[in-house]
Amino acid sequence: MVAEYAYTMRLTMTGNVYSFGVILLELLTGKPSVSDGIELAKWALSLSARPDQWEQILDTRVSGTSIAVHSQMLSVLNIALACVAFSPDARPKMRNVLRMLFNSK
């Protein structure tokens, strides 16, 4: 569930971007959005503070299949992290998310 929606009960575009970022994180990590009371987005953001820890975020069953896959997953992780930024104003617009996804390689 989108954090802002839970608190304000209002749907917003930035909330939709956040939700999309959570979906990307679920795909990249193989983890559910909430597990044992820990929100996936908060967990990923805490690890992302240090780029050398980004490897711990990715699902190694997928990222380990090839260098190309690993590289693309890191690119998409960067997009997902932007989508779940703590500040709604810091999140990209959805059209920019789409552009970033098309350009990720």
PDB file of N, CA and C in Angstrom:
ATOM      1  N   MET A   1       0.841  -1.177   0.000  1.00  0.00           N
ATOM      2  CA  MET A   1       0.000   0.000   0.000  1.00  0.00           C
ATOM      3  C   MET A   1       0.882   1.235   0.000  1.00  0.00           C
ATOM      4  N   VAL A   2       0.449   2.226  -0.691  1.00  0.00           N
ATOM      5  CA  VAL A   2       1.197   3.479  -0.755  1.00  0.00           C
ATOM      6  C   VAL A   2       1.149   4.150   0.602  1.00  0.00           C
ATOM      7  N   ALA A   3       2.318   4.556   1.086  1.00  0.00           N
ATOM      8  CA  ALA A   3       2.410   5.163   2.400  1.00  0.00           C
ATOM      9  C   ALA A   3       1.523   6.392   2.526  1.00  0.00           C
ATOM     10  N   GLU A   4       1.554   7.278   1.534  1.00  0.00           N
ATOM     11  CA  GLU A   4       0.740   8.494   1.624  1.00  0.00           C
ATOM     12  C   GLU A   4      -0.744   8.175   1.662  1.00  0.00           C
ATOM     13  N   TYR A   5      -1.163   7.197   0.880  1.00  0.00           N
ATOM     14  CA  TYR A   5      -2.582   6.845   0.847  1.00  0.00           C
ATOM     15  C   TYR A   5      -3.036   6.337   2.205  1.00  0.00           C
ATOM     16  N   ALA A   6      -2.187   5.566   2.846  1.00  0.00           N
ATOM     17  CA  ALA A   6      -2.535   5.029   4.161  1.00  0.00           C
ATOM     18  C   ALA A   6      -2.764   6.143   5.176  1.00  0.00           C
ATOM     19  N   TYR A   7      -2.042   7.235   5.029  1.00  0.00           N
ATOM     20  CA  TYR A   7      -2.149   8.338   5.990  1.00  0.00           C
ATOM     21  C   TYR A   7      -3.177   9.385   5.591  1.00  0.00           C
ATOM     22  N   THR A   8      -3.296   9.667   4.291  1.00  0.00           N
ATOM     23  CA  THR A   8      -4.163  10.762   3.852  1.00  0.00           C
ATOM     24  C   THR A   8      -5.463  10.291   3.222  1.00  0.00           C
ATOM     25  N   MET A   9      -5.531   9.026   2.806  1.00  0.00           N
ATOM     26  CA  MET A   9      -6.693   8.461   2.117  1.00  0.00           C
ATOM     27  C   MET A   9      -6.990   9.204   0.804  1.00  0.00           C
ATOM     28  N   ARG A  10      -5.945   9.775   0.179  1.00  0.00           N
ATOM     29  CA  ARG A  10      -6.074  10.458  -1.104  1.00  0.00           C
ATOM     30  C   ARG A  10      -5.151   9.792  -2.121  1.00  0.00           C
ATOM     31  N   LEU A  11      -5.685   9.547  -3.307  1.00  0.00           N
ATOM     32  CA  LEU A  11      -4.858   9.018  -4.386  1.00  0.00           C
ATOM     33  C   LEU A  11      -4.194  10.186  -5.098  1.00  0.00           C
ATOM     34  N   THR A  12      -2.905  10.034  -5.392  1.00  0.00           N
ATOM     35  CA  THR A  12      -2.158  11.088  -6.076  1.00  0.00           C
ATOM     36  C   THR A  12      -1.277  10.462  -7.149  1.00  0.00           C
ATOM     37  N   MET A  13      -0.822  11.282  -8.070  1.00  0.00           N
ATOM     38  CA  MET A  13       0.092  10.798  -9.108  1.00  0.00           C
ATOM     39  C   MET A  13       1.408  10.343  -8.487  1.00  0.00           C
ATOM     40  N   THR A  14       1.906  11.103  -7.505  1.00  0.00           N
ATOM     41  CA  THR A  14       3.170  10.702  -6.873  1.00  0.00           C
ATOM     42  C   THR A  14       2.992   9.393  -6.102  1.00  0.00           C
ATOM     43  N   GLY A  15       1.793   9.181  -5.578  1.00  0.00           N
ATOM     44  CA  GLY A  15       1.504   7.911  -4.918  1.00  0.00           C
ATOM     45  C   GLY A  15       1.489   6.760  -5.903  1.00  0.00           C
ATOM     46  N   ASN A  16       0.975   7.021  -7.100  1.00  0.00           N
ATOM     47  CA  ASN A  16       0.980   6.002  -8.149  1.00  0.00           C
ATOM     48  C   ASN A  16       2.407   5.661  -8.576  1.00  0.00           C
ATOM     49  N   VAL A  17       3.248   6.674  -8.673  1.00  0.00           N
ATOM     50  CA  VAL A  17       4.655   6.448  -9.022  1.00  0.00           C
ATOM     51  C   VAL A  17       5.315   5.607  -7.935  1.00  0.00           C
ATOM     52  N   TYR A  18       5.021   5.920  -6.674  1.00  0.00           N
ATOM     53  CA  TYR A  18       5.559   5.147  -5.551  1.00  0.00           C
ATOM     54  C   TYR A  18       5.127   3.679  -5.677  1.00  0.00           C
ATOM     55  N   SER A  19       3.846   3.463  -5.928  1.00  0.00           N
ATOM     56  CA  SER A  19       3.329   2.096  -6.060  1.00  0.00           C
ATOM     57  C   SER A  19       4.024   1.349  -7.190  1.00  0.00           C
ATOM     58  N   PHE A  20       4.242   2.034  -8.307  1.00  0.00           N
ATOM     59  CA  PHE A  20       4.938   1.414  -9.427  1.00  0.00           C
ATOM     60  C   PHE A  20       6.367   1.053  -9.025  1.00  0.00           C
ATOM     61  N   GLY A  21       7.012   1.938  -8.269  1.00  0.00           N
ATOM     62  CA  GLY A  21       8.357   1.652  -7.776  1.00  0.00           C
ATOM     63  C   GLY A  21       8.385   0.427  -6.885  1.00  0.00           C
ATOM     64  N   VAL A  22       7.365   0.259  -6.062  1.00  0.00           N
ATOM     65  CA  VAL A  22       7.280  -0.925  -5.202  1.00  0.00           C
ATOM     66  C   VAL A  22       7.137  -2.181  -6.057  1.00  0.00           C
ATOM     67  N   ILE A  23       6.331  -2.107  -7.109  1.00  0.00           N
ATOM     68  CA  ILE A  23       6.179  -3.255  -8.010  1.00  0.00           C
ATOM     69  C   ILE A  23       7.521  -3.594  -8.658  1.00  0.00           C
ATOM     70  N   LEU A  24       8.250  -2.578  -9.104  1.00  0.00           N
ATOM     71  CA  LEU A  24       9.580  -2.834  -9.675  1.00  0.00           C
ATOM     72  C   LEU A  24      10.481  -3.502  -8.642  1.00  0.00           C
ATOM     73  N   LEU A  25      10.436  -3.016  -7.399  1.00  0.00           N
ATOM     74  CA  LEU A  25      11.264  -3.614  -6.347  1.00  0.00           C
ATOM     75  C   LEU A  25      10.873  -5.065  -6.090  1.00  0.00           C
ATOM     76  N   GLU A  26       9.579  -5.363  -6.125  1.00  0.00           N
ATOM     77  CA  GLU A  26       9.139  -6.747  -5.950  1.00  0.00           C
ATOM     78  C   GLU A  26       9.723  -7.635  -7.043  1.00  0.00           C
ATOM     79  N   LEU A  27       9.723  -7.135  -8.280  1.00  0.00           N
ATOM     80  CA  LEU A  27      10.271  -7.902  -9.402  1.00  0.00           C
ATOM     81  C   LEU A  27      11.781  -8.078  -9.282  1.00  0.00           C
ATOM     82  N   LEU A  28      12.467  -7.031  -8.837  1.00  0.00           N
ATOM     83  CA  LEU A  28      13.930  -7.061  -8.738  1.00  0.00           C
ATOM     84  C   LEU A  28      14.443  -7.890  -7.559  1.00  0.00           C
ATOM     85  N   THR A  29      13.659  -7.937  -6.497  1.00  0.00           N
ATOM     86  CA  THR A  29      14.121  -8.604  -5.282  1.00  0.00           C
ATOM     87  C   THR A  29      13.536  -9.994  -5.088  1.00  0.00           C
ATOM     88  N   GLY A  30      12.370 -10.231  -5.673  1.00  0.00           N
ATOM     89  CA  GLY A  30      11.666 -11.480  -5.417  1.00  0.00           C
ATOM     90  C   GLY A  30      11.005 -11.493  -4.047  1.00  0.00           C
ATOM     91  N   LYS A  31      10.875 -10.316  -3.437  1.00  0.00           N
ATOM     92  CA  LYS A  31      10.285 -10.195  -2.105  1.00  0.00           C
ATOM     93  C   LYS A  31       8.926  -9.506  -2.189  1.00  0.00           C
ATOM     94  N   PRO A  32       8.043  -9.765  -1.214  1.00  0.00           N
ATOM     95  CA  PRO A  32       6.752  -9.062  -1.188  1.00  0.00           C
ATOM     96  C   PRO A  32       6.923  -7.622  -0.709  1.00  0.00           C
ATOM     97  N   SER A  33       5.916  -6.798  -0.949  1.00  0.00           N
ATOM     98  CA  SER A  33       6.003  -5.381  -0.591  1.00  0.00           C
ATOM     99  C   SER A  33       6.125  -5.166   0.917  1.00  0.00           C
ATOM    100  N   VAL A  34       5.560  -6.070   1.705  1.00  0.00           N
ATOM    101  CA  VAL A  34       5.702  -6.018   3.160  1.00  0.00           C
ATOM    102  C   VAL A  34       5.913  -7.435   3.646  1.00  0.00           C
ATOM    103  N   SER A  35       6.924  -7.630   4.472  1.00  0.00           N
ATOM    104  CA  SER A  35       7.212  -8.947   5.030  1.00  0.00           C
ATOM    105  C   SER A  35       7.690  -8.782   6.466  1.00  0.00           C
ATOM    106  N   ASP A  36       7.051  -9.477   7.367  1.00  0.00           N
ATOM    107  CA  ASP A  36       7.389  -9.395   8.786  1.00  0.00           C
ATOM    108  C   ASP A  36       7.405  -7.953   9.287  1.00  0.00           C
ATOM    109  N   GLY A  37       6.466  -7.145   8.793  1.00  0.00           N
ATOM    110  CA  GLY A  37       6.358  -5.756   9.220  1.00  0.00           C
ATOM    111  C   GLY A  37       7.368  -4.810   8.600  1.00  0.00           C
ATOM    112  N   ILE A  38       8.197  -5.316   7.698  1.00  0.00           N
ATOM    113  CA  ILE A  38       9.217  -4.478   7.044  1.00  0.00           C
ATOM    114  C   ILE A  38       8.744  -4.144   5.637  1.00  0.00           C
ATOM    115  N   GLU A  39       8.693  -2.830   5.348  1.00  0.00           N
ATOM    116  CA  GLU A  39       8.292  -2.395   4.014  1.00  0.00           C
ATOM    117  C   GLU A  39       9.477  -2.511   3.065  1.00  0.00           C
ATOM    118  N   LEU A  40       9.229  -3.149   1.922  1.00  0.00           N
ATOM    119  CA  LEU A  40      10.273  -3.380   0.926  1.00  0.00           C
ATOM    120  C   LEU A  40      10.933  -2.076   0.486  1.00  0.00           C
ATOM    121  N   ALA A  41      10.130  -1.039   0.244  1.00  0.00           N
ATOM    122  CA  ALA A  41      10.690   0.234  -0.232  1.00  0.00           C
ATOM    123  C   ALA A  41      11.639   0.835   0.796  1.00  0.00           C
ATOM    124  N   LYS A  42      11.252   0.834   2.057  1.00  0.00           N
ATOM    125  CA  LYS A  42      12.120   1.396   3.101  1.00  0.00           C
ATOM    126  C   LYS A  42      13.397   0.577   3.241  1.00  0.00           C
ATOM    127  N   TRP A  43      13.265  -0.739   3.157  1.00  0.00           N
ATOM    128  CA  TRP A  43      14.434  -1.619   3.256  1.00  0.00           C
ATOM    129  C   TRP A  43      15.404  -1.335   2.106  1.00  0.00           C
ATOM    130  N   ALA A  44      14.867  -1.252   0.877  1.00  0.00           N
ATOM    131  CA  ALA A  44      15.717  -1.006  -0.292  1.00  0.00           C
ATOM    132  C   ALA A  44      16.369   0.369  -0.212  1.00  0.00           C
ATOM    133  N   LEU A  45      15.608   1.374   0.207  1.00  0.00           N
ATOM    134  CA  LEU A  45      16.180   2.716   0.328  1.00  0.00           C
ATOM    135  C   LEU A  45      17.300   2.750   1.368  1.00  0.00           C
ATOM    136  N   SER A  46      17.132   2.014   2.457  1.00  0.00           N
ATOM    137  CA  SER A  46      18.177   2.008   3.489  1.00  0.00           C
ATOM    138  C   SER A  46      19.466   1.379   2.963  1.00  0.00           C
ATOM    139  N   LEU A  47      19.334   0.347   2.152  1.00  0.00           N
ATOM    140  CA  LEU A  47      20.532  -0.283   1.572  1.00  0.00           C
ATOM    141  C   LEU A  47      21.118   0.542   0.430  1.00  0.00           C
ATOM    142  N   SER A  48      20.279   1.315  -0.234  1.00  0.00           N
ATOM    143  CA  SER A  48      20.745   2.046  -1.409  1.00  0.00           C
ATOM    144  C   SER A  48      21.627   3.234  -1.059  1.00  0.00           C
ATOM    145  N   ALA A  49      21.675   3.602   0.197  1.00  0.00           N
ATOM    146  CA  ALA A  49      22.519   4.728   0.605  1.00  0.00           C
ATOM    147  C   ALA A  49      23.980   4.458   0.253  1.00  0.00           C
ATOM    148  N   ARG A  50      24.329   3.186   0.201  1.00  0.00           N
ATOM    149  CA  ARG A  50      25.698   2.798  -0.183  1.00  0.00           C
ATOM    150  C   ARG A  50      25.626   1.918  -1.429  1.00  0.00           C
ATOM    151  N   PRO A  51      26.077   2.440  -2.573  1.00  0.00           N
ATOM    152  CA  PRO A  51      25.985   1.668  -3.820  1.00  0.00           C
ATOM    153  C   PRO A  51      26.640   0.281  -3.759  1.00  0.00           C
ATOM    154  N   ASP A  52      27.617   0.102  -2.890  1.00  0.00           N
ATOM    155  CA  ASP A  52      28.240  -1.221  -2.786  1.00  0.00           C
ATOM    156  C   ASP A  52      27.293  -2.238  -2.150  1.00  0.00           C
ATOM    157  N   GLN A  53      26.170  -1.781  -1.617  1.00  0.00           N
ATOM    158  CA  GLN A  53      25.192  -2.694  -1.012  1.00  0.00           C
ATOM    159  C   GLN A  53      24.017  -2.991  -1.951  1.00  0.00           C
ATOM    160  N   TRP A  54      24.015  -2.380  -3.125  1.00  0.00           N
ATOM    161  CA  TRP A  54      22.916  -2.605  -4.066  1.00  0.00           C
ATOM    162  C   TRP A  54      22.790  -4.073  -4.435  1.00  0.00           C
ATOM    163  N   GLU A  55      23.889  -4.796  -4.414  1.00  0.00           N
ATOM    164  CA  GLU A  55      23.862  -6.226  -4.757  1.00  0.00           C
ATOM    165  C   GLU A  55      22.950  -7.004  -3.817  1.00  0.00           C
ATOM    166  N   GLN A  56      22.866  -6.563  -2.570  1.00  0.00           N
ATOM    167  CA  GLN A  56      22.031  -7.250  -1.582  1.00  0.00           C
ATOM    168  C   GLN A  56      20.545  -7.065  -1.870  1.00  0.00           C
ATOM    169  N   ILE A  57      20.205  -6.051  -2.648  1.00  0.00           N
ATOM    170  CA  ILE A  57      18.809  -5.789  -2.961  1.00  0.00           C
ATOM    171  C   ILE A  57      18.304  -6.726  -4.055  1.00  0.00           C
ATOM    172  N   LEU A  58      19.144  -7.007  -5.022  1.00  0.00           N
ATOM    173  CA  LEU A  58      18.733  -7.804  -6.182  1.00  0.00           C
ATOM    174  C   LEU A  58      18.558  -9.279  -5.851  1.00  0.00           C
ATOM    175  N   ASP A  59      17.618  -9.915  -6.536  1.00  0.00           N
ATOM    176  CA  ASP A  59      17.400 -11.356  -6.431  1.00  0.00           C
ATOM    177  C   ASP A  59      18.541 -12.040  -7.185  1.00  0.00           C
ATOM    178  N   THR A  60      19.437 -12.678  -6.461  1.00  0.00           N
ATOM    179  CA  THR A  60      20.617 -13.279  -7.081  1.00  0.00           C
ATOM    180  C   THR A  60      20.268 -14.440  -8.005  1.00  0.00           C
ATOM    181  N   ARG A  61      19.081 -15.030  -7.832  1.00  0.00           N
ATOM    182  CA  ARG A  61      18.665 -16.111  -8.733  1.00  0.00           C
ATOM    183  C   ARG A  61      18.496 -15.588 -10.149  1.00  0.00           C
ATOM    184  N   VAL A  62      18.188 -14.299 -10.275  1.00  0.00           N
ATOM    185  CA  VAL A  62      18.011 -13.686 -11.597  1.00  0.00           C
ATOM    186  C   VAL A  62      19.253 -12.900 -11.992  1.00  0.00           C
ATOM    187  N   SER A  63      19.742 -12.070 -11.079  1.00  0.00           N
ATOM    188  CA  SER A  63      20.869 -11.190 -11.425  1.00  0.00           C
ATOM    189  C   SER A  63      22.138 -11.964 -11.731  1.00  0.00           C
ATOM    190  N   GLY A  64      22.236 -13.175 -11.227  1.00  0.00           N
ATOM    191  CA  GLY A  64      23.426 -13.982 -11.467  1.00  0.00           C
ATOM    192  C   GLY A  64      23.423 -14.747 -12.772  1.00  0.00           C
ATOM    193  N   THR A  65      22.374 -14.606 -13.560  1.00  0.00           N
ATOM    194  CA  THR A  65      22.296 -15.388 -14.787  1.00  0.00           C
ATOM    195  C   THR A  65      23.250 -14.896 -15.870  1.00  0.00           C
ATOM    196  N   SER A  66      23.490 -13.583 -15.916  1.00  0.00           N
ATOM    197  CA  SER A  66      24.450 -13.046 -16.876  1.00  0.00           C
ATOM    198  C   SER A  66      24.827 -11.622 -16.483  1.00  0.00           C
ATOM    199  N   ILE A  67      25.932 -11.166 -17.016  1.00  0.00           N
ATOM    200  CA  ILE A  67      26.377  -9.799 -16.751  1.00  0.00           C
ATOM    201  C   ILE A  67      25.378  -8.804 -17.324  1.00  0.00           C
ATOM    202  N   ALA A  68      24.822  -9.098 -18.493  1.00  0.00           N
ATOM    203  CA  ALA A  68      23.861  -8.195 -19.128  1.00  0.00           C
ATOM    204  C   ALA A  68      22.601  -8.061 -18.279  1.00  0.00           C
ATOM    205  N   VAL A  69      22.098  -9.174 -17.778  1.00  0.00           N
ATOM    206  CA  VAL A  69      20.904  -9.151 -16.924  1.00  0.00           C
ATOM    207  C   VAL A  69      21.196  -8.373 -15.648  1.00  0.00           C
ATOM    208  N   HIS A  70      22.338  -8.634 -15.054  1.00  0.00           N
ATOM    209  CA  HIS A  70      22.731  -7.942 -13.826  1.00  0.00           C
ATOM    210  C   HIS A  70      22.799  -6.435 -14.049  1.00  0.00           C
ATOM    211  N   SER A  71      23.394  -6.031 -15.134  1.00  0.00           N
ATOM    212  CA  SER A  71      23.520  -4.619 -15.462  1.00  0.00           C
ATOM    213  C   SER A  71      22.150  -3.970 -15.658  1.00  0.00           C
ATOM    214  N   GLN A  72      21.274  -4.658 -16.377  1.00  0.00           N
ATOM    215  CA  GLN A  72      19.938  -4.118 -16.612  1.00  0.00           C
ATOM    216  C   GLN A  72      19.146  -4.034 -15.305  1.00  0.00           C
ATOM    217  N   MET A  73      19.308  -5.016 -14.431  1.00  0.00           N
ATOM    218  CA  MET A  73      18.617  -4.984 -13.141  1.00  0.00           C
ATOM    219  C   MET A  73      19.089  -3.797 -12.296  1.00  0.00           C
ATOM    220  N   LEU A  74      20.380  -3.510 -12.335  1.00  0.00           N
ATOM    221  CA  LEU A  74      20.883  -2.345 -11.597  1.00  0.00           C
ATOM    222  C   LEU A  74      20.308  -1.055 -12.159  1.00  0.00           C
ATOM    223  N   SER A  75      20.156  -0.997 -13.470  1.00  0.00           N
ATOM    224  CA  SER A  75      19.576   0.180 -14.107  1.00  0.00           C
ATOM    225  C   SER A  75      18.121   0.363 -13.684  1.00  0.00           C
ATOM    226  N   VAL A  76      17.370  -0.718 -13.670  1.00  0.00           N
ATOM    227  CA  VAL A  76      15.968  -0.654 -13.261  1.00  0.00           C
ATOM    228  C   VAL A  76      15.863  -0.384 -11.758  1.00  0.00           C
ATOM    229  N   LEU A  77      16.805  -0.886 -10.980  1.00  0.00           N
ATOM    230  CA  LEU A  77      16.818  -0.601  -9.542  1.00  0.00           C
ATOM    231  C   LEU A  77      16.959   0.892  -9.300  1.00  0.00           C
ATOM    232  N   ASN A  78      17.800   1.533 -10.062  1.00  0.00           N
ATOM    233  CA  ASN A  78      17.970   2.978  -9.945  1.00  0.00           C
ATOM    234  C   ASN A  78      16.639   3.699 -10.186  1.00  0.00           C
ATOM    235  N   ILE A  79      15.875   3.240 -11.150  1.00  0.00           N
ATOM    236  CA  ILE A  79      14.567   3.823 -11.458  1.00  0.00           C
ATOM    237  C   ILE A  79      13.592   3.556 -10.313  1.00  0.00           C
ATOM    238  N   ALA A  80      13.574   2.324  -9.825  1.00  0.00           N
ATOM    239  CA  ALA A  80      12.670   1.960  -8.726  1.00  0.00           C
ATOM    240  C   ALA A  80      12.946   2.805  -7.488  1.00  0.00           C
ATOM    241  N   LEU A  81      14.207   3.008  -7.180  1.00  0.00           N
ATOM    242  CA  LEU A  81      14.569   3.802  -6.002  1.00  0.00           C
ATOM    243  C   LEU A  81      14.126   5.256  -6.163  1.00  0.00           C
ATOM    244  N   ALA A  82      14.204   5.780  -7.375  1.00  0.00           N
ATOM    245  CA  ALA A  82      13.721   7.147  -7.618  1.00  0.00           C
ATOM    246  C   ALA A  82      12.208   7.214  -7.403  1.00  0.00           C
ATOM    247  N   CYS A  83      11.512   6.163  -7.801  1.00  0.00           N
ATOM    248  CA  CYS A  83      10.055   6.128  -7.663  1.00  0.00           C
ATOM    249  C   CYS A  83       9.599   6.068  -6.204  1.00  0.00           C
ATOM    250  N   VAL A  84      10.383   5.449  -5.359  1.00  0.00           N
ATOM    251  CA  VAL A  84       9.988   5.311  -3.951  1.00  0.00           C
ATOM    252  C   VAL A  84      10.697   6.314  -3.051  1.00  0.00           C
ATOM    253  N   ALA A  85      11.220   7.367  -3.651  1.00  0.00           N
ATOM    254  CA  ALA A  85      11.880   8.409  -2.852  1.00  0.00           C
ATOM    255  C   ALA A  85      10.955   8.856  -1.731  1.00  0.00           C
ATOM    256  N   PHE A  86      11.535   9.151  -0.581  1.00  0.00           N
ATOM    257  CA  PHE A  86      10.755   9.541   0.586  1.00  0.00           C
ATOM    258  C   PHE A  86       9.890  10.764   0.298  1.00  0.00           C
ATOM    259  N   SER A  87      10.461  11.747  -0.354  1.00  0.00           N
ATOM    260  CA  SER A  87       9.721  12.974  -0.665  1.00  0.00           C
ATOM    261  C   SER A  87       8.949  12.796  -1.975  1.00  0.00           C
ATOM    262  N   PRO A  88       7.640  12.974  -1.947  1.00  0.00           N
ATOM    263  CA  PRO A  88       6.866  12.866  -3.189  1.00  0.00           C
ATOM    264  C   PRO A  88       7.352  13.824  -4.274  1.00  0.00           C
ATOM    265  N   ASP A  89       7.840  14.991  -3.886  1.00  0.00           N
ATOM    266  CA  ASP A  89       8.331  15.961  -4.865  1.00  0.00           C
ATOM    267  C   ASP A  89       9.602  15.497  -5.567  1.00  0.00           C
ATOM    268  N   ALA A  90      10.324  14.580  -4.948  1.00  0.00           N
ATOM    269  CA  ALA A  90      11.575  14.082  -5.529  1.00  0.00           C
ATOM    270  C   ALA A  90      11.334  12.955  -6.528  1.00  0.00           C
ATOM    271  N   ARG A  91      10.138  12.414  -6.568  1.00  0.00           N
ATOM    272  CA  ARG A  91       9.833  11.301  -7.470  1.00  0.00           C
ATOM    273  C   ARG A  91       9.656  11.800  -8.894  1.00  0.00           C
ATOM    274  N   PRO A  92      10.090  10.980  -9.864  1.00  0.00           N
ATOM    275  CA  PRO A  92       9.927  11.391 -11.266  1.00  0.00           C
ATOM    276  C   PRO A  92       8.464  11.308 -11.691  1.00  0.00           C
ATOM    277  N   LYS A  93       8.141  12.010 -12.741  1.00  0.00           N
ATOM    278  CA  LYS A  93       6.815  11.882 -13.359  1.00  0.00           C
ATOM    279  C   LYS A  93       6.765  10.532 -14.064  1.00  0.00           C
ATOM    280  N   MET A  94       5.576   9.977 -14.203  1.00  0.00           N
ATOM    281  CA  MET A  94       5.446   8.648 -14.797  1.00  0.00           C
ATOM    282  C   MET A  94       5.952   8.610 -16.232  1.00  0.00           C
ATOM    283  N   ARG A  95       5.752   9.674 -16.990  1.00  0.00           N
ATOM    284  CA  ARG A  95       6.264   9.680 -18.381  1.00  0.00           C
ATOM    285  C   ARG A  95       7.792   9.603 -18.383  1.00  0.00           C
ATOM    286  N   ASN A  96       8.434  10.206 -17.377  1.00  0.00           N
ATOM    287  CA  ASN A  96       9.891  10.111 -17.276  1.00  0.00           C
ATOM    288  C   ASN A  96      10.325   8.715 -16.838  1.00  0.00           C
ATOM    289  N   VAL A  97       9.517   8.085 -15.989  1.00  0.00           N
ATOM    290  CA  VAL A  97       9.808   6.703 -15.588  1.00  0.00           C
ATOM    291  C   VAL A  97       9.776   5.810 -16.822  1.00  0.00           C
ATOM    292  N   LEU A  98       8.765   5.984 -17.625  1.00  0.00           N
ATOM    293  CA  LEU A  98       8.642   5.190 -18.858  1.00  0.00           C
ATOM    294  C   LEU A  98       9.847   5.419 -19.768  1.00  0.00           C
ATOM    295  N   ARG A  99      10.244   6.668 -19.915  1.00  0.00           N
ATOM    296  CA  ARG A  99      11.403   6.995 -20.755  1.00  0.00           C
ATOM    297  C   ARG A  99      12.673   6.323 -20.191  1.00  0.00           C
ATOM    298  N   MET A 100      12.824   6.389 -18.862  1.00  0.00           N
ATOM    299  CA  MET A 100      14.006   5.767 -18.245  1.00  0.00           C
ATOM    300  C   MET A 100      13.999   4.254 -18.455  1.00  0.00           C
ATOM    301  N   LEU A 101      12.837   3.647 -18.369  1.00  0.00           N
ATOM    302  CA  LEU A 101      12.751   2.191 -18.575  1.00  0.00           C
ATOM    303  C   LEU A 101      13.108   1.822 -20.007  1.00  0.00           C
ATOM    304  N   PHE A 102      12.610   2.592 -20.966  1.00  0.00           N
ATOM    305  CA  PHE A 102      12.953   2.330 -22.369  1.00  0.00           C
ATOM    306  C   PHE A 102      14.441   2.487 -22.617  1.00  0.00           C
ATOM    307  N   ASN A 103      15.081   3.412 -21.902  1.00  0.00           N
ATOM    308  CA  ASN A 103      16.500   3.668 -22.109  1.00  0.00           C
ATOM    309  C   ASN A 103      17.407   2.786 -21.263  1.00  0.00           C
ATOM    310  N   SER A 104      16.844   2.035 -20.332  1.00  0.00           N
ATOM    311  CA  SER A 104      17.692   1.197 -19.474  1.00  0.00           C
ATOM    312  C   SER A 104      18.236   0.028 -20.285  1.00  0.00           C
ATOM    313  N   LYS A 105      19.522  -0.199 -20.119  1.00  0.00           N
ATOM    314  CA  LYS A 105      20.177  -1.273 -20.870  1.00  0.00           C
ATOM    315  C   LYS A 105      21.137  -2.001 -19.992  1.00  0.00           C
TER     316      LYS A 105
END
